[in-house]
Amino acid sequence: MKPAGFIRAETDADVATIAAITTAAFTGHPYSAGTEAAIVAGLRAAGALTISLVAERDGAVVGHVAVSPVSLPNAATGWYGLGPVSVRPDMQARGIGSALVEAALQRLGTLGAEGCVLVGNPAFYNRFGFSSHPGLVYPGVPDMYVLAKPLRGAAPTGAIAFHAAFAATP
């Protein structure tokens, strides 16, 4: 018997549900371009989903987190980008997104990753050890929203280059 809620790796059977949850989670948000589901699909198609986890509650997939490699001009390899993180709207504010982020970071540590970067709300991501770092940028985004969490060594500098799937259009 499965527990009432747990986090596991995605399977092929989850793909359509992940797309639906991702679309629903970002619909109507002013910071969203509506491309998040296309980003996840593009990462998957390119074989660039290093980590793709789903959260289940009572047997239903209710959330997803994607992690993919990034390039940084002044850092060694082994840096990853976290996101998108999606939780079904009716299940938000219940700790599911936090559990997904924690599980993704734990897996990155197991992989020996140097660290993780993201573009997101510091009020949410600071609790996981993410913070802004001087010299770390993502073009077009205010520095306060460009966050990194070194897992080994120092924080990177330079412009983050996410996978080409992040250039998806709606």
N, C-alpha and C. Protein backbone atom coordinates (compact mmCIF):
# COMPACT_ATOMS: atom_id res chain seq x y z
N MET A 1 0.84 -1.20 0.00
CA MET A 1 0.00 0.00 0.00
C MET A 1 0.88 1.25 0.00
N LYS A 2 0.55 2.21 -0.87
CA LYS A 2 1.30 3.46 -0.95
C LYS A 2 0.92 4.37 0.20
N PRO A 3 1.88 5.17 0.69
CA PRO A 3 1.52 6.15 1.71
C PRO A 3 0.60 7.22 1.13
N ALA A 4 -0.04 7.99 1.99
CA ALA A 4 -0.98 9.03 1.57
C ALA A 4 -0.30 10.07 0.70
N GLY A 5 0.97 10.30 0.90
CA GLY A 5 1.70 11.28 0.10
C GLY A 5 3.17 10.95 0.05
N PHE A 6 3.74 11.00 -1.15
CA PHE A 6 5.17 10.76 -1.27
C PHE A 6 5.70 11.37 -2.56
N ILE A 7 7.02 11.41 -2.66
CA ILE A 7 7.69 11.98 -3.84
C ILE A 7 8.46 10.85 -4.51
N ARG A 8 8.35 10.83 -5.84
CA ARG A 8 9.01 9.78 -6.61
C ARG A 8 9.44 10.35 -7.97
N ALA A 9 10.26 9.60 -8.67
CA ALA A 9 10.67 9.98 -10.03
C ALA A 9 9.46 9.89 -10.96
N GLU A 10 9.42 10.78 -11.94
CA GLU A 10 8.34 10.71 -12.92
C GLU A 10 8.44 9.43 -13.74
N THR A 11 7.30 9.01 -14.26
CA THR A 11 7.24 7.89 -15.20
C THR A 11 6.58 8.39 -16.49
N ASP A 12 6.64 7.59 -17.53
CA ASP A 12 5.98 7.96 -18.78
C ASP A 12 4.50 8.22 -18.57
N ALA A 13 3.88 7.50 -17.66
CA ALA A 13 2.45 7.66 -17.40
C ALA A 13 2.12 9.02 -16.77
N ASP A 14 3.11 9.72 -16.25
CA ASP A 14 2.89 11.01 -15.59
C ASP A 14 2.96 12.21 -16.53
N VAL A 15 3.45 12.03 -17.74
CA VAL A 15 3.79 13.16 -18.61
C VAL A 15 2.60 14.10 -18.84
N ALA A 16 1.46 13.57 -19.21
CA ALA A 16 0.29 14.43 -19.49
C ALA A 16 -0.18 15.14 -18.22
N THR A 17 -0.16 14.45 -17.10
CA THR A 17 -0.58 15.06 -15.83
C THR A 17 0.38 16.17 -15.42
N ILE A 18 1.67 15.94 -15.60
CA ILE A 18 2.67 16.98 -15.29
C ILE A 18 2.40 18.22 -16.13
N ALA A 19 2.13 18.04 -17.41
CA ALA A 19 1.85 19.18 -18.29
C ALA A 19 0.61 19.94 -17.82
N ALA A 20 -0.43 19.20 -17.46
CA ALA A 20 -1.68 19.85 -17.00
C ALA A 20 -1.46 20.60 -15.69
N ILE A 21 -0.75 19.99 -14.76
CA ILE A 21 -0.49 20.64 -13.47
C ILE A 21 0.37 21.88 -13.67
N THR A 22 1.39 21.76 -14.50
CA THR A 22 2.29 22.89 -14.73
C THR A 22 1.54 24.05 -15.36
N THR A 23 0.71 23.77 -16.34
CA THR A 23 -0.09 24.82 -16.97
C THR A 23 -1.02 25.47 -15.95
N ALA A 24 -1.73 24.67 -15.19
CA ALA A 24 -2.68 25.20 -14.20
C ALA A 24 -1.98 26.00 -13.12
N ALA A 25 -0.81 25.54 -12.68
CA ALA A 25 -0.10 26.20 -11.59
C ALA A 25 0.36 27.60 -11.96
N PHE A 26 0.65 27.83 -13.23
CA PHE A 26 1.19 29.13 -13.65
C PHE A 26 0.17 30.01 -14.36
N THR A 27 -1.01 29.50 -14.65
CA THR A 27 -2.03 30.30 -15.34
C THR A 27 -2.42 31.51 -14.50
N GLY A 28 -2.37 32.69 -15.14
CA GLY A 28 -2.80 33.91 -14.48
C GLY A 28 -1.77 34.58 -13.61
N HIS A 29 -0.59 34.00 -13.49
CA HIS A 29 0.45 34.63 -12.67
C HIS A 29 1.17 35.68 -13.50
N PRO A 30 1.35 36.88 -12.96
CA PRO A 30 1.94 37.97 -13.73
C PRO A 30 3.40 37.72 -14.14
N TYR A 31 4.11 36.87 -13.43
CA TYR A 31 5.50 36.61 -13.74
C TYR A 31 5.67 35.44 -14.72
N SER A 32 4.57 34.86 -15.15
CA SER A 32 4.63 33.71 -16.05
C SER A 32 4.35 34.12 -17.49
N ALA A 33 5.14 33.54 -18.40
CA ALA A 33 4.90 33.75 -19.83
C ALA A 33 4.02 32.65 -20.40
N GLY A 34 3.60 31.72 -19.55
CA GLY A 34 2.77 30.62 -19.99
C GLY A 34 3.53 29.53 -20.73
N THR A 35 4.84 29.51 -20.55
CA THR A 35 5.69 28.55 -21.27
C THR A 35 6.20 27.40 -20.40
N GLU A 36 5.83 27.37 -19.16
CA GLU A 36 6.43 26.41 -18.23
C GLU A 36 6.22 24.95 -18.65
N ALA A 37 5.02 24.59 -19.08
CA ALA A 37 4.79 23.21 -19.53
C ALA A 37 5.62 22.89 -20.77
N ALA A 38 5.76 23.87 -21.67
CA ALA A 38 6.58 23.66 -22.87
C ALA A 38 8.06 23.52 -22.49
N ILE A 39 8.49 24.24 -21.47
CA ILE A 39 9.88 24.11 -21.00
C ILE A 39 10.13 22.69 -20.52
N VAL A 40 9.24 22.17 -19.67
CA VAL A 40 9.41 20.81 -19.15
C VAL A 40 9.40 19.81 -20.30
N ALA A 41 8.47 19.96 -21.24
CA ALA A 41 8.41 19.05 -22.38
C ALA A 41 9.69 19.13 -23.22
N GLY A 42 10.20 20.34 -23.42
CA GLY A 42 11.43 20.51 -24.18
C GLY A 42 12.63 19.88 -23.49
N LEU A 43 12.72 20.06 -22.18
CA LEU A 43 13.81 19.44 -21.42
C LEU A 43 13.73 17.92 -21.52
N ARG A 44 12.51 17.39 -21.39
CA ARG A 44 12.33 15.94 -21.47
C ARG A 44 12.73 15.44 -22.86
N ALA A 45 12.27 16.11 -23.91
CA ALA A 45 12.56 15.69 -25.28
C ALA A 45 14.06 15.73 -25.58
N ALA A 46 14.77 16.68 -24.96
CA ALA A 46 16.21 16.82 -25.19
C ALA A 46 17.05 15.91 -24.29
N GLY A 47 16.39 15.17 -23.42
CA GLY A 47 17.13 14.33 -22.47
C GLY A 47 17.85 15.15 -21.41
N ALA A 48 17.33 16.36 -21.14
CA ALA A 48 18.00 17.28 -20.23
C ALA A 48 17.32 17.39 -18.86
N LEU A 49 16.38 16.51 -18.58
CA LEU A 49 15.77 16.50 -17.25
C LEU A 49 16.64 15.62 -16.35
N THR A 50 17.60 16.25 -15.68
CA THR A 50 18.48 15.50 -14.79
C THR A 50 17.67 14.90 -13.65
N ILE A 51 16.76 15.68 -13.12
CA ILE A 51 15.86 15.24 -12.06
C ILE A 51 14.46 15.69 -12.43
N SER A 52 13.51 14.77 -12.36
CA SER A 52 12.11 15.09 -12.61
C SER A 52 11.29 14.29 -11.61
N LEU A 53 10.80 14.98 -10.60
CA LEU A 53 10.09 14.33 -9.50
C LEU A 53 8.64 14.78 -9.46
N VAL A 54 7.78 13.86 -9.04
CA VAL A 54 6.38 14.20 -8.82
C VAL A 54 6.03 13.95 -7.36
N ALA A 55 5.07 14.73 -6.89
CA ALA A 55 4.50 14.51 -5.56
C ALA A 55 3.15 13.86 -5.76
N GLU A 56 2.89 12.82 -5.00
CA GLU A 56 1.60 12.14 -5.03
C GLU A 56 0.89 12.33 -3.71
N ARG A 57 -0.40 12.50 -3.78
CA ARG A 57 -1.26 12.51 -2.60
C ARG A 57 -2.44 11.62 -2.91
N ASP A 58 -2.66 10.63 -2.06
CA ASP A 58 -3.77 9.69 -2.23
C ASP A 58 -3.82 9.10 -3.64
N GLY A 59 -2.65 8.78 -4.18
CA GLY A 59 -2.55 8.12 -5.46
C GLY A 59 -2.61 9.02 -6.68
N ALA A 60 -2.76 10.32 -6.49
CA ALA A 60 -2.84 11.25 -7.62
C ALA A 60 -1.61 12.15 -7.63
N VAL A 61 -1.07 12.41 -8.82
CA VAL A 61 0.05 13.33 -8.96
C VAL A 61 -0.48 14.74 -8.75
N VAL A 62 0.14 15.48 -7.81
CA VAL A 62 -0.33 16.83 -7.48
C VAL A 62 0.76 17.89 -7.63
N GLY A 63 1.99 17.47 -7.94
CA GLY A 63 3.06 18.45 -8.08
C GLY A 63 4.24 17.87 -8.84
N HIS A 64 5.10 18.77 -9.31
CA HIS A 64 6.26 18.37 -10.10
C HIS A 64 7.40 19.37 -9.92
N VAL A 65 8.63 18.88 -9.99
CA VAL A 65 9.81 19.73 -10.01
C VAL A 65 10.77 19.19 -11.08
N ALA A 66 11.34 20.13 -11.83
CA ALA A 66 12.32 19.80 -12.86
C ALA A 66 13.67 20.39 -12.47
N VAL A 67 14.73 19.66 -12.78
CA VAL A 67 16.10 20.14 -12.58
C VAL A 67 16.88 19.78 -13.84
N SER A 68 17.60 20.77 -14.37
CA SER A 68 18.36 20.56 -15.60
C SER A 68 19.71 21.26 -15.51
N PRO A 69 20.68 20.82 -16.31
CA PRO A 69 22.01 21.44 -16.28
C PRO A 69 21.96 22.89 -16.76
N VAL A 70 22.83 23.71 -16.20
CA VAL A 70 23.01 25.09 -16.65
C VAL A 70 24.48 25.30 -16.94
N SER A 71 24.75 26.36 -17.70
CA SER A 71 26.14 26.76 -17.95
C SER A 71 26.39 28.09 -17.26
N LEU A 72 27.55 28.19 -16.68
CA LEU A 72 27.99 29.42 -16.03
C LEU A 72 29.42 29.69 -16.48
N PRO A 73 29.70 30.90 -16.97
CA PRO A 73 31.02 31.15 -17.54
C PRO A 73 32.17 31.04 -16.54
N ASN A 74 31.92 31.31 -15.28
CA ASN A 74 33.00 31.32 -14.29
C ASN A 74 32.87 30.20 -13.27
N ALA A 75 32.25 29.09 -13.69
CA ALA A 75 32.08 27.97 -12.76
C ALA A 75 32.39 26.67 -13.49
N ALA A 76 32.81 25.73 -12.72
CA ALA A 76 33.03 24.40 -13.27
C ALA A 76 31.68 23.79 -13.63
N THR A 77 31.73 22.67 -14.31
CA THR A 77 30.49 21.97 -14.59
C THR A 77 29.89 21.48 -13.27
N GLY A 78 28.70 20.97 -13.34
CA GLY A 78 28.07 20.44 -12.14
C GLY A 78 27.09 21.39 -11.50
N TRP A 79 26.70 22.45 -12.23
CA TRP A 79 25.67 23.36 -11.75
C TRP A 79 24.37 23.06 -12.47
N TYR A 80 23.28 23.19 -11.74
CA TYR A 80 21.96 22.84 -12.26
C TYR A 80 20.97 23.97 -11.98
N GLY A 81 19.93 24.00 -12.80
CA GLY A 81 18.84 24.95 -12.62
C GLY A 81 17.62 24.23 -12.07
N LEU A 82 17.02 24.81 -11.06
CA LEU A 82 15.81 24.26 -10.45
C LEU A 82 14.61 24.96 -11.06
N GLY A 83 13.67 24.18 -11.55
CA GLY A 83 12.43 24.75 -12.04
C GLY A 83 12.12 24.32 -13.45
N PRO A 84 10.88 24.44 -13.79
CA PRO A 84 9.76 24.92 -12.99
C PRO A 84 9.38 23.97 -11.86
N VAL A 85 8.81 24.57 -10.82
CA VAL A 85 8.19 23.83 -9.71
C VAL A 85 6.70 24.12 -9.80
N SER A 86 5.90 23.08 -9.86
CA SER A 86 4.46 23.24 -10.06
C SER A 86 3.68 22.41 -9.05
N VAL A 87 2.63 23.00 -8.51
CA VAL A 87 1.71 22.28 -7.64
C VAL A 87 0.29 22.60 -8.10
N ARG A 88 -0.52 21.57 -8.17
CA ARG A 88 -1.92 21.74 -8.57
C ARG A 88 -2.54 22.85 -7.72
N PRO A 89 -3.23 23.80 -8.34
CA PRO A 89 -3.74 24.97 -7.59
C PRO A 89 -4.53 24.63 -6.33
N ASP A 90 -5.35 23.61 -6.35
CA ASP A 90 -6.14 23.27 -5.16
C ASP A 90 -5.31 22.60 -4.07
N MET A 91 -4.04 22.31 -4.35
CA MET A 91 -3.16 21.67 -3.37
C MET A 91 -2.02 22.59 -2.94
N GLN A 92 -2.03 23.83 -3.39
CA GLN A 92 -0.96 24.77 -3.03
C GLN A 92 -1.09 25.18 -1.57
N ALA A 93 0.02 25.68 -1.03
CA ALA A 93 0.11 26.15 0.36
C ALA A 93 -0.08 25.00 1.36
N ARG A 94 0.36 23.81 0.98
CA ARG A 94 0.29 22.64 1.88
C ARG A 94 1.66 22.00 2.08
N GLY A 95 2.72 22.67 1.62
CA GLY A 95 4.07 22.15 1.79
C GLY A 95 4.53 21.22 0.68
N ILE A 96 3.72 21.04 -0.35
CA ILE A 96 4.10 20.12 -1.44
C ILE A 96 5.26 20.69 -2.25
N GLY A 97 5.19 21.97 -2.61
CA GLY A 97 6.28 22.59 -3.34
C GLY A 97 7.58 22.55 -2.55
N SER A 98 7.49 22.82 -1.26
CA SER A 98 8.68 22.76 -0.41
C SER A 98 9.27 21.36 -0.37
N ALA A 99 8.41 20.35 -0.25
CA ALA A 99 8.89 18.97 -0.23
C ALA A 99 9.56 18.60 -1.55
N LEU A 100 9.02 19.08 -2.67
CA LEU A 100 9.63 18.81 -3.96
C LEU A 100 11.00 19.47 -4.08
N VAL A 101 11.12 20.72 -3.64
CA VAL A 101 12.41 21.42 -3.69
C VAL A 101 13.43 20.69 -2.81
N GLU A 102 13.04 20.32 -1.61
CA GLU A 102 13.96 19.62 -0.71
C GLU A 102 14.41 18.29 -1.30
N ALA A 103 13.49 17.55 -1.90
CA ALA A 103 13.84 16.26 -2.51
C ALA A 103 14.79 16.46 -3.69
N ALA A 104 14.54 17.48 -4.50
CA ALA A 104 15.41 17.76 -5.65
C ALA A 104 16.82 18.12 -5.18
N LEU A 105 16.91 18.96 -4.15
CA LEU A 105 18.23 19.34 -3.63
C LEU A 105 18.97 18.15 -3.03
N GLN A 106 18.24 17.29 -2.37
CA GLN A 106 18.85 16.09 -1.81
C GLN A 106 19.42 15.21 -2.94
N ARG A 107 18.67 15.06 -4.01
CA ARG A 107 19.15 14.26 -5.14
C ARG A 107 20.36 14.91 -5.80
N LEU A 108 20.35 16.23 -5.92
CA LEU A 108 21.52 16.92 -6.48
C LEU A 108 22.75 16.65 -5.63
N GLY A 109 22.59 16.67 -4.33
CA GLY A 109 23.72 16.36 -3.44
C GLY A 109 24.23 14.96 -3.65
N THR A 110 23.33 14.02 -3.84
CA THR A 110 23.70 12.63 -4.09
C THR A 110 24.45 12.49 -5.41
N LEU A 111 24.10 13.32 -6.40
CA LEU A 111 24.77 13.30 -7.69
C LEU A 111 26.15 13.96 -7.66
N GLY A 112 26.48 14.62 -6.56
CA GLY A 112 27.76 15.32 -6.46
C GLY A 112 27.76 16.68 -7.14
N ALA A 113 26.59 17.28 -7.30
CA ALA A 113 26.47 18.58 -7.96
C ALA A 113 27.24 19.65 -7.20
N GLU A 114 27.75 20.61 -7.96
CA GLU A 114 28.42 21.77 -7.36
C GLU A 114 27.41 22.70 -6.71
N GLY A 115 26.25 22.83 -7.34
CA GLY A 115 25.24 23.71 -6.78
C GLY A 115 24.05 23.85 -7.71
N CYS A 116 23.16 24.73 -7.30
CA CYS A 116 21.90 24.91 -8.00
C CYS A 116 21.57 26.39 -8.09
N VAL A 117 21.03 26.80 -9.23
CA VAL A 117 20.60 28.18 -9.44
C VAL A 117 19.13 28.19 -9.84
N LEU A 118 18.51 29.34 -9.70
CA LEU A 118 17.13 29.50 -10.13
C LEU A 118 16.79 30.98 -10.23
N VAL A 119 15.70 31.24 -10.90
CA VAL A 119 15.11 32.57 -10.92
C VAL A 119 13.80 32.42 -10.20
N GLY A 120 13.67 33.10 -9.07
CA GLY A 120 12.46 32.93 -8.27
C GLY A 120 12.36 33.91 -7.13
N ASN A 121 11.33 33.72 -6.35
CA ASN A 121 11.00 34.59 -5.22
C ASN A 121 11.91 34.28 -4.03
N PRO A 122 12.75 35.23 -3.64
CA PRO A 122 13.63 34.97 -2.50
C PRO A 122 12.87 34.66 -1.21
N ALA A 123 11.69 35.22 -1.04
CA ALA A 123 10.92 34.95 0.17
C ALA A 123 10.59 33.47 0.31
N PHE A 124 10.45 32.78 -0.81
CA PHE A 124 10.19 31.34 -0.77
C PHE A 124 11.49 30.54 -0.73
N TYR A 125 12.43 30.87 -1.61
CA TYR A 125 13.61 30.02 -1.79
C TYR A 125 14.72 30.24 -0.76
N ASN A 126 14.72 31.35 -0.05
CA ASN A 126 15.74 31.56 0.99
C ASN A 126 15.70 30.46 2.05
N ARG A 127 14.54 29.94 2.33
CA ARG A 127 14.41 28.90 3.38
C ARG A 127 15.15 27.61 3.04
N PHE A 128 15.50 27.44 1.75
CA PHE A 128 16.23 26.25 1.32
C PHE A 128 17.73 26.53 1.17
N GLY A 129 18.15 27.73 1.54
CA GLY A 129 19.56 28.09 1.45
C GLY A 129 19.94 28.82 0.18
N PHE A 130 18.97 29.19 -0.65
CA PHE A 130 19.25 29.98 -1.85
C PHE A 130 19.38 31.45 -1.46
N SER A 131 20.27 32.15 -2.13
CA SER A 131 20.40 33.59 -1.92
C SER A 131 20.99 34.22 -3.18
N SER A 132 20.84 35.53 -3.27
CA SER A 132 21.45 36.24 -4.41
C SER A 132 22.95 36.38 -4.12
N HIS A 133 23.74 36.44 -5.17
CA HIS A 133 25.19 36.53 -5.04
C HIS A 133 25.69 37.59 -6.01
N PRO A 134 26.56 38.49 -5.54
CA PRO A 134 27.10 39.53 -6.43
C PRO A 134 27.76 38.89 -7.65
N GLY A 135 27.42 39.41 -8.81
CA GLY A 135 28.02 38.93 -10.05
C GLY A 135 27.30 37.78 -10.71
N LEU A 136 26.28 37.22 -10.06
CA LEU A 136 25.48 36.17 -10.67
C LEU A 136 24.25 36.83 -11.29
N VAL A 137 24.07 36.65 -12.59
CA VAL A 137 22.99 37.37 -13.27
C VAL A 137 22.25 36.44 -14.22
N TYR A 138 21.03 36.85 -14.53
CA TYR A 138 20.25 36.26 -15.61
C TYR A 138 19.67 37.43 -16.38
N PRO A 139 20.03 37.58 -17.64
CA PRO A 139 19.64 38.76 -18.41
C PRO A 139 18.15 39.06 -18.34
N GLY A 140 17.85 40.33 -18.04
CA GLY A 140 16.47 40.78 -17.99
C GLY A 140 15.76 40.57 -16.68
N VAL A 141 16.44 39.99 -15.70
CA VAL A 141 15.82 39.71 -14.40
C VAL A 141 16.56 40.48 -13.32
N PRO A 142 15.85 41.19 -12.44
CA PRO A 142 16.53 41.88 -11.34
C PRO A 142 17.36 40.90 -10.50
N ASP A 143 18.55 41.34 -10.11
CA ASP A 143 19.49 40.48 -9.39
C ASP A 143 18.91 39.82 -8.15
N MET A 144 17.98 40.48 -7.47
CA MET A 144 17.43 39.91 -6.23
C MET A 144 16.67 38.60 -6.48
N TYR A 145 16.24 38.35 -7.72
CA TYR A 145 15.50 37.14 -8.06
C TYR A 145 16.38 36.04 -8.66
N VAL A 146 17.66 36.34 -8.84
CA VAL A 146 18.61 35.37 -9.37
C VAL A 146 19.33 34.77 -8.17
N LEU A 147 19.03 33.50 -7.90
CA LEU A 147 19.46 32.88 -6.65
C LEU A 147 20.33 31.65 -6.91
N ALA A 148 21.23 31.39 -5.97
CA ALA A 148 22.10 30.21 -6.06
C ALA A 148 22.24 29.58 -4.70
N LYS A 149 22.46 28.28 -4.73
CA LYS A 149 22.78 27.53 -3.52
C LYS A 149 23.98 26.64 -3.84
N PRO A 150 25.18 27.07 -3.40
CA PRO A 150 26.34 26.21 -3.59
C PRO A 150 26.20 24.95 -2.72
N LEU A 151 26.49 23.81 -3.30
CA LEU A 151 26.47 22.56 -2.53
C LEU A 151 27.89 22.16 -2.16
N ARG A 152 28.85 22.61 -2.99
CA ARG A 152 30.28 22.37 -2.75
C ARG A 152 31.01 23.58 -3.28
N GLY A 153 31.81 24.20 -2.48
CA GLY A 153 32.60 25.33 -2.95
C GLY A 153 31.84 26.64 -2.93
N ALA A 154 32.33 27.58 -3.72
CA ALA A 154 31.82 28.95 -3.73
C ALA A 154 30.68 29.12 -4.72
N ALA A 155 29.94 30.20 -4.53
CA ALA A 155 28.87 30.56 -5.46
C ALA A 155 29.47 31.01 -6.78
N PRO A 156 28.78 30.75 -7.87
CA PRO A 156 29.30 31.15 -9.18
C PRO A 156 29.06 32.63 -9.46
N THR A 157 29.72 33.11 -10.50
CA THR A 157 29.47 34.45 -11.01
C THR A 157 29.25 34.34 -12.52
N GLY A 158 28.73 35.40 -13.09
CA GLY A 158 28.49 35.42 -14.52
C GLY A 158 27.03 35.24 -14.84
N ALA A 159 26.75 35.16 -16.13
CA ALA A 159 25.38 35.02 -16.62
C ALA A 159 25.00 33.55 -16.71
N ILE A 160 23.87 33.21 -16.12
CA ILE A 160 23.35 31.85 -16.17
C ILE A 160 22.80 31.58 -17.56
N ALA A 161 23.17 30.45 -18.12
CA ALA A 161 22.60 30.01 -19.39
C ALA A 161 21.81 28.72 -19.13
N PHE A 162 20.49 28.86 -19.10
CA PHE A 162 19.63 27.70 -18.95
C PHE A 162 19.56 26.95 -20.28
N HIS A 163 19.10 25.74 -20.26
CA HIS A 163 18.94 24.93 -21.47
C HIS A 163 18.08 25.67 -22.49
N ALA A 164 18.28 25.38 -23.76
CA ALA A 164 17.54 26.03 -24.84
C ALA A 164 16.03 25.86 -24.70
N ALA A 165 15.57 24.83 -23.99
CA ALA A 165 14.14 24.63 -23.78
C ALA A 165 13.49 25.79 -23.04
N PHE A 166 14.29 26.57 -22.31
CA PHE A 166 13.74 27.71 -21.58
C PHE A 166 13.36 28.87 -22.51
N ALA A 167 13.70 28.76 -23.77
CA ALA A 167 13.29 29.76 -24.76
C ALA A 167 11.96 29.39 -25.42
N ALA A 168 11.24 28.42 -24.84
CA ALA A 168 9.97 27.97 -25.40
C ALA A 168 8.98 29.12 -25.53
N THR A 169 8.11 28.98 -26.49
CA THR A 169 7.04 29.96 -26.68
C THR A 169 5.70 29.28 -26.38
N PRO A 170 4.73 30.08 -25.95
CA PRO A 170 3.42 29.46 -25.61
C PRO A 170 2.72 28.87 -26.80
